Amino acid sequence: MKLDGYLHERTDGAIGGLSQLVRGAALEAIINGSEAITRKTLETIEVDQTAEDARQEHRRNRRPRRRMPTQPDRLRQLPVALGPVHNETLGSYLHRLAVANNRPAGFLARLLGPLPPEFSPLSNTTAGWTPHSPGRLAVLSGRPMPQFARALPALADFLSPRGPGQRTERLISRPCRCCTASRSPTASVAITLAPAHVHLCPRHQLWTRSTHDIPLGVLPEVIKAQRRLDQFARRHRKVRQALDLARKIVEDWSASGMPIDLGKMWADRLDRVEALAVSKKVSAEDPVTSRRSPRSRC
């Protein structure tokens, strides 16, 4: 049995009282033949009056440890109020909020509803939520509900009286570090739902379809192509099908070696990216220089 807390309480942390208590308990254990210092044995040993007075005072002031309540009307705001990122998944936000407040992400998720299977930052479901769940999330984070409804698509669908609305097809992605620096002070990466045609951050000129941000200042034609694709997506709905067809055409060109001028263009882009220090971390299958050319976006 661990008696460190008990010994400190009995002696008020005084080394003299601790020596007296342990020595008396050891002698008692030898006399009664048990040869073991137990709490029962320690209770029979008297210590100085100062330590006893301190123990009684400690017992009067002792309060039961308060745990985080689970009732909606008793929830309290977490110490660190973390804002959501636009189009962030619920799992991503709860994990970032948990890390910032040094709490298990699963524990926070259970305060809102049943824990989703294989709960992770990629999780984005409100299955099992009650009408109180959005309010609990607002109380825990200290953020107004309208802000969450604008930022979290799953929450907006849950609050909508018409149910999930029709949205542009989105894929699991992440914003660039510069865009989330103020919203994610921890090392946790924010996971978002981005339109299928978005591959980079035009504002900061960073490729985001990789495990880390890749500067694209040396590839202005790729940034220009993304802006043209954004304009195309605003005029047409079925962008995902167009992207899949364009990707297949480019892959066929690459496999057949035609047209030759595209091969030279891709090689030039690779050379410019590989000249950057960050290019050492770029995956060989990263499509930034091999599949996304302005011509393939038309």
Protein backbone atom coordinates (compact mmCIF):
# COMPACT_ATOMS: atom_id res chain seq x y z
CA MET A 1 0.00 0.00 0.00
CA LYS A 2 1.28 3.45 -0.84
CA LEU A 3 1.35 5.56 2.32
CA ASP A 4 3.21 8.65 1.12
CA GLY A 5 0.11 10.86 1.25
CA TYR A 6 -0.91 9.47 4.62
CA LEU A 7 2.58 10.00 6.10
CA HIS A 8 2.65 13.58 4.89
CA GLU A 9 -0.78 14.20 6.40
CA ARG A 10 0.18 12.69 9.78
CA THR A 11 3.46 14.63 10.10
CA ASP A 12 2.57 17.81 8.19
CA GLY A 13 5.73 17.26 6.15
CA ALA A 14 8.08 17.58 9.16
CA ILE A 15 11.09 15.26 8.96
CA GLY A 16 11.28 14.95 12.76
CA GLY A 17 7.67 13.83 13.04
CA LEU A 18 8.11 11.41 10.12
CA SER A 19 11.17 9.82 11.79
CA GLN A 20 9.28 9.48 15.07
CA LEU A 21 6.24 7.92 13.37
CA VAL A 22 8.17 5.40 11.28
CA ARG A 23 10.52 4.42 14.13
CA GLY A 24 7.60 3.83 16.50
CA ALA A 25 5.73 1.77 13.89
CA ALA A 26 8.84 -0.35 13.21
CA LEU A 27 9.26 -1.13 16.92
CA GLU A 28 5.57 -2.00 17.22
CA ALA A 29 5.82 -4.34 14.22
CA ILE A 30 8.75 -6.16 15.85
CA ILE A 31 6.97 -6.45 19.19
CA ASN A 32 3.69 -7.81 17.81
CA GLY A 33 5.52 -10.15 15.42
CA SER A 34 3.91 -8.85 12.21
CA GLU A 35 7.18 -7.36 10.95
CA ALA A 36 5.22 -5.09 8.61
CA ILE A 37 4.45 -1.38 8.80
CA THR A 38 0.79 -0.93 7.94
CA ARG A 39 -1.60 1.98 8.17
CA LYS A 40 -3.30 0.25 11.10
CA THR A 41 0.02 0.12 12.91
CA LEU A 42 0.81 3.75 12.11
CA GLU A 43 -2.55 4.85 13.54
CA THR A 44 -1.48 3.54 16.97
CA ILE A 45 1.66 5.70 17.07
CA GLU A 46 1.37 9.20 18.52
CA VAL A 47 3.22 12.16 17.02
CA ASP A 48 3.72 15.70 18.30
CA GLN A 49 0.67 17.88 18.92
CA THR A 50 1.55 20.36 16.18
CA ALA A 51 1.33 17.67 13.51
CA GLU A 52 -1.94 16.37 14.95
CA ASP A 53 -3.46 19.86 14.93
CA ALA A 54 -2.38 20.35 11.32
CA ARG A 55 -3.95 17.01 10.40
CA GLN A 56 -7.29 17.92 11.93
CA GLU A 57 -7.24 21.30 10.17
CA HIS A 58 -6.49 19.59 6.88
CA ARG A 59 -9.43 17.23 7.33
CA ARG A 60 -11.81 20.10 8.06
CA ASN A 61 -10.73 21.98 4.93
CA ARG A 62 -10.61 18.93 2.69
CA ARG A 63 -13.09 19.00 -0.18
CA PRO A 64 -13.94 16.14 -2.51
CA ARG A 65 -12.22 16.31 -5.88
CA ARG A 66 -14.54 17.83 -8.44
CA ARG A 67 -14.80 16.10 -11.77
CA MET A 68 -16.04 17.62 -14.97
CA PRO A 69 -19.84 17.32 -14.89
CA THR A 70 -21.74 15.74 -17.74
CA GLN A 71 -25.04 17.55 -17.31
CA PRO A 72 -25.61 20.28 -19.94
CA ASP A 73 -26.55 22.94 -17.37
CA ARG A 74 -23.43 22.24 -15.27
CA LEU A 75 -20.77 22.16 -17.97
CA ARG A 76 -18.04 24.75 -17.67
CA GLN A 77 -15.87 26.40 -20.25
CA LEU A 78 -12.48 24.80 -20.72
CA PRO A 79 -9.47 26.92 -19.74
CA VAL A 80 -8.24 27.35 -23.33
CA ALA A 81 -10.93 28.58 -25.73
CA LEU A 82 -9.98 27.39 -29.21
CA GLY A 83 -11.71 28.72 -32.32
CA PRO A 84 -12.72 26.39 -35.17
CA VAL A 85 -11.19 26.50 -38.63
CA HIS A 86 -13.47 27.08 -41.61
CA ASN A 87 -14.93 23.78 -42.91
CA GLU A 88 -13.18 21.81 -40.14
CA THR A 89 -14.32 18.30 -39.22
CA LEU A 90 -15.82 17.73 -35.79
CA GLY A 91 -13.17 15.16 -34.93
CA SER A 92 -10.38 17.56 -35.84
CA TYR A 93 -11.79 20.36 -33.70
CA LEU A 94 -12.41 18.13 -30.68
CA HIS A 95 -8.87 16.71 -30.91
CA ARG A 96 -7.32 20.18 -31.12
CA LEU A 97 -9.49 21.41 -28.24
CA ALA A 98 -8.49 18.38 -26.16
CA VAL A 99 -4.76 18.85 -26.83
CA ALA A 100 -4.93 22.55 -25.96
CA ASN A 101 -6.61 21.73 -22.63
CA ASN A 102 -4.63 18.55 -21.85
CA ARG A 103 -7.70 16.31 -21.89
CA PRO A 104 -8.54 13.11 -23.79
CA ALA A 105 -10.36 13.80 -27.04
CA GLY A 106 -12.64 10.82 -26.47
CA PHE A 107 -13.77 12.28 -23.14
CA LEU A 108 -14.86 15.54 -24.79
CA ALA A 109 -16.62 13.63 -27.56
CA ARG A 110 -18.63 11.62 -25.00
CA LEU A 111 -19.90 14.86 -23.45
CA LEU A 112 -21.63 15.57 -26.75
CA GLY A 113 -22.95 12.11 -27.60
CA PRO A 114 -21.91 8.50 -28.19
CA LEU A 115 -18.26 8.08 -29.14
CA PRO A 116 -18.11 7.47 -32.92
CA PRO A 117 -16.44 4.21 -34.04
CA GLU A 118 -12.71 4.66 -34.66
CA PHE A 119 -12.90 8.26 -33.44
CA SER A 120 -10.13 10.35 -35.00
CA PRO A 121 -9.56 13.85 -36.44
CA LEU A 122 -11.13 12.55 -39.66
CA SER A 123 -14.44 11.79 -37.91
CA ASN A 124 -17.25 14.09 -38.97
CA THR A 125 -20.53 12.64 -37.71
CA THR A 126 -23.22 13.84 -35.32
CA ALA A 127 -24.85 10.40 -35.01
CA GLY A 128 -26.40 9.98 -31.57
CA TRP A 129 -26.37 13.69 -30.76
CA THR A 130 -29.27 15.20 -28.83
CA PRO A 131 -30.68 18.73 -29.12
CA HIS A 132 -28.44 19.65 -26.16
CA SER A 133 -25.21 18.59 -27.88
CA PRO A 134 -24.54 21.81 -29.84
CA GLY A 135 -25.08 23.84 -26.67
CA ARG A 136 -22.63 21.65 -24.78
CA LEU A 137 -20.01 22.23 -27.45
CA ALA A 138 -20.53 25.99 -27.25
CA VAL A 139 -20.21 25.95 -23.44
CA LEU A 140 -17.05 23.83 -23.45
CA SER A 141 -15.29 25.97 -26.04
CA GLY A 142 -16.62 29.35 -24.94
CA ARG A 143 -17.57 30.19 -28.51
CA PRO A 144 -20.97 31.40 -29.78
CA MET A 145 -23.11 28.86 -31.61
CA PRO A 146 -23.40 30.91 -34.87
CA GLN A 147 -19.61 30.83 -35.21
CA PHE A 148 -19.61 27.05 -34.98
CA ALA A 149 -22.48 26.72 -37.44
CA ARG A 150 -20.54 28.75 -40.01
CA ALA A 151 -17.28 26.87 -39.48
CA LEU A 152 -18.31 23.23 -38.95
CA PRO A 153 -20.35 21.75 -41.85
CA ALA A 154 -21.53 18.75 -39.81
CA LEU A 155 -22.91 21.04 -37.09
CA ALA A 156 -24.62 23.27 -39.67
CA ASP A 157 -26.34 20.21 -41.16
CA PHE A 158 -27.41 19.06 -37.68
CA LEU A 159 -28.92 22.45 -36.83
CA SER A 160 -30.65 22.89 -40.19
CA PRO A 161 -34.40 22.17 -39.96
CA ARG A 162 -34.26 20.77 -43.49
CA GLY A 163 -31.45 18.38 -42.65
CA PRO A 164 -28.18 18.06 -44.58
CA GLY A 165 -28.15 20.37 -47.55
CA GLN A 166 -26.65 19.85 -50.96
CA ARG A 167 -22.99 20.79 -50.85
CA THR A 168 -20.21 20.76 -53.37
CA GLU A 169 -18.40 17.44 -53.16
CA ARG A 170 -15.58 17.81 -50.67
CA LEU A 171 -12.53 15.78 -49.78
CA ILE A 172 -10.54 15.40 -46.58
CA SER A 173 -7.82 18.02 -46.72
CA ARG A 174 -6.02 20.56 -44.57
CA PRO A 175 -5.43 24.32 -44.77
CA CYS A 176 -1.94 25.72 -44.91
CA ARG A 177 -0.11 26.43 -41.66
CA CYS A 178 -0.19 30.18 -42.25
CA CYS A 179 -4.00 30.20 -42.44
CA THR A 180 -4.39 28.24 -39.19
CA ALA A 181 -1.53 29.74 -37.15
CA SER A 182 -3.84 31.90 -35.02
CA ARG A 183 -6.57 29.24 -34.73
CA SER A 184 -4.32 26.28 -33.93
CA PRO A 185 -1.57 27.37 -31.50
CA THR A 186 -0.73 23.73 -30.73
CA ALA A 187 1.15 21.38 -33.02
CA SER A 188 -2.11 19.68 -34.01
CA VAL A 189 -2.98 19.84 -37.70
CA ALA A 190 -6.49 21.01 -38.55
CA ILE A 191 -8.39 18.64 -40.85
CA THR A 192 -10.96 20.26 -43.14
CA LEU A 193 -13.35 19.37 -45.94
CA ALA A 194 -12.11 21.14 -49.05
CA PRO A 195 -13.67 21.19 -52.53
CA ALA A 196 -12.20 18.55 -54.80
CA HIS A 197 -10.65 21.17 -57.06
CA VAL A 198 -8.68 23.01 -54.33
CA HIS A 199 -5.07 21.87 -54.20
CA LEU A 200 -3.25 24.87 -52.75
CA CYS A 201 -3.55 28.12 -50.82
CA PRO A 202 -3.38 30.98 -53.36
CA ARG A 203 -3.04 33.58 -50.62
CA HIS A 204 0.17 32.13 -49.19
CA GLN A 205 1.20 30.27 -52.36
CA LEU A 206 1.53 26.92 -50.61
CA TRP A 207 0.67 23.44 -51.90
CA THR A 208 -1.50 21.69 -49.28
CA ARG A 209 -2.14 18.28 -50.88
CA SER A 210 0.87 16.85 -49.09
CA THR A 211 1.93 16.05 -45.53
CA HIS A 212 3.51 19.50 -45.26
CA ASP A 213 3.28 22.85 -47.01
CA ILE A 214 5.30 23.21 -50.22
CA PRO A 215 6.17 26.78 -51.34
CA LEU A 216 5.00 27.47 -54.89
CA GLY A 217 6.61 30.84 -55.44
CA VAL A 218 8.82 29.22 -58.07
CA LEU A 219 5.76 27.82 -59.90
CA PRO A 220 3.52 30.83 -60.67
CA GLU A 221 1.82 28.91 -63.48
CA VAL A 222 0.47 26.37 -60.94
CA ILE A 223 -1.01 29.17 -58.83
CA LYS A 224 -2.53 30.73 -61.92
CA ALA A 225 -4.03 27.37 -62.90
CA GLN A 226 -5.65 27.04 -59.46
CA ARG A 227 -7.30 30.45 -59.85
CA ARG A 228 -8.60 29.47 -63.29
CA LEU A 229 -9.95 26.24 -61.81
CA ASP A 230 -11.69 28.22 -59.05
CA GLN A 231 -13.44 30.31 -61.69
CA PHE A 232 -14.43 27.17 -63.57
CA ALA A 233 -15.86 25.64 -60.38
CA ARG A 234 -18.03 28.69 -59.73
CA ARG A 235 -19.65 28.32 -63.16
CA HIS A 236 -20.03 24.53 -63.24
CA ARG A 237 -21.21 22.07 -60.60
CA LYS A 238 -19.71 18.77 -61.74
CA VAL A 239 -16.10 19.74 -61.20
CA ARG A 240 -15.12 16.41 -59.65
CA GLN A 241 -16.04 14.48 -62.80
CA ALA A 242 -14.08 16.95 -64.93
CA LEU A 243 -11.05 16.57 -62.67
CA ASP A 244 -11.19 12.77 -62.83
CA LEU A 245 -11.39 12.88 -66.63
CA ALA A 246 -8.53 15.39 -66.88
CA ARG A 247 -6.39 13.26 -64.55
CA LYS A 248 -7.00 10.16 -66.67
CA ILE A 249 -6.06 12.02 -69.85
CA VAL A 250 -2.84 13.32 -68.30
CA GLU A 251 -1.94 9.83 -67.01
CA ASP A 252 -2.49 8.40 -70.50
CA TRP A 253 -0.27 11.09 -71.96
CA SER A 254 2.41 10.35 -69.40
CA ALA A 255 2.27 6.60 -70.10
CA SER A 256 2.42 7.02 -73.89
CA GLY A 257 5.03 9.78 -73.90
CA MET A 258 2.76 12.17 -75.74
CA PRO A 259 2.76 15.08 -76.11
CA ILE A 260 6.49 15.56 -75.67
CA ASP A 261 6.32 19.26 -74.71
CA LEU A 262 4.38 18.42 -71.52
CA GLY A 263 7.15 16.08 -70.39
CA LYS A 264 9.64 18.92 -70.66
CA MET A 265 7.30 21.21 -68.72
CA TRP A 266 6.91 18.69 -65.89
CA ALA A 267 10.67 18.08 -65.73
CA ASP A 268 11.27 21.83 -65.48
CA ARG A 269 8.80 22.12 -62.62
CA LEU A 270 10.46 19.25 -60.78
CA ASP A 271 13.83 20.95 -61.11
CA ARG A 272 12.47 24.20 -59.70
CA VAL A 273 10.79 22.50 -56.75
CA GLU A 274 13.77 20.25 -56.00
CA ALA A 275 15.94 23.34 -55.70
CA LEU A 276 14.01 24.24 -52.55
CA ALA A 277 15.15 22.89 -49.18
CA VAL A 278 11.66 21.61 -48.42
CA SER A 279 11.66 19.47 -51.58
CA LYS A 280 13.62 16.76 -49.76
CA LYS A 281 10.39 15.81 -47.99
CA VAL A 282 8.23 15.74 -51.12
CA SER A 283 6.83 12.31 -51.95
CA ALA A 284 7.74 10.91 -55.34
CA GLU A 285 4.02 10.47 -56.01
CA ASP A 286 3.13 14.05 -55.09
CA PRO A 287 1.11 15.42 -57.99
CA VAL A 288 2.21 19.04 -57.66
CA THR A 289 4.60 18.83 -60.57
CA SER A 290 3.50 15.72 -62.40
CA ARG A 291 -0.26 15.93 -62.78
CA ARG A 292 -1.46 19.46 -62.28
CA SER A 293 -0.58 21.56 -65.28
CA PRO A 294 -2.62 24.51 -66.56
CA ARG A 295 -3.45 22.51 -69.67
CA SER A 296 -4.90 19.63 -67.66
CA ARG A 297 -7.27 21.99 -65.84
CA CYS A 298 -9.04 23.20 -68.94
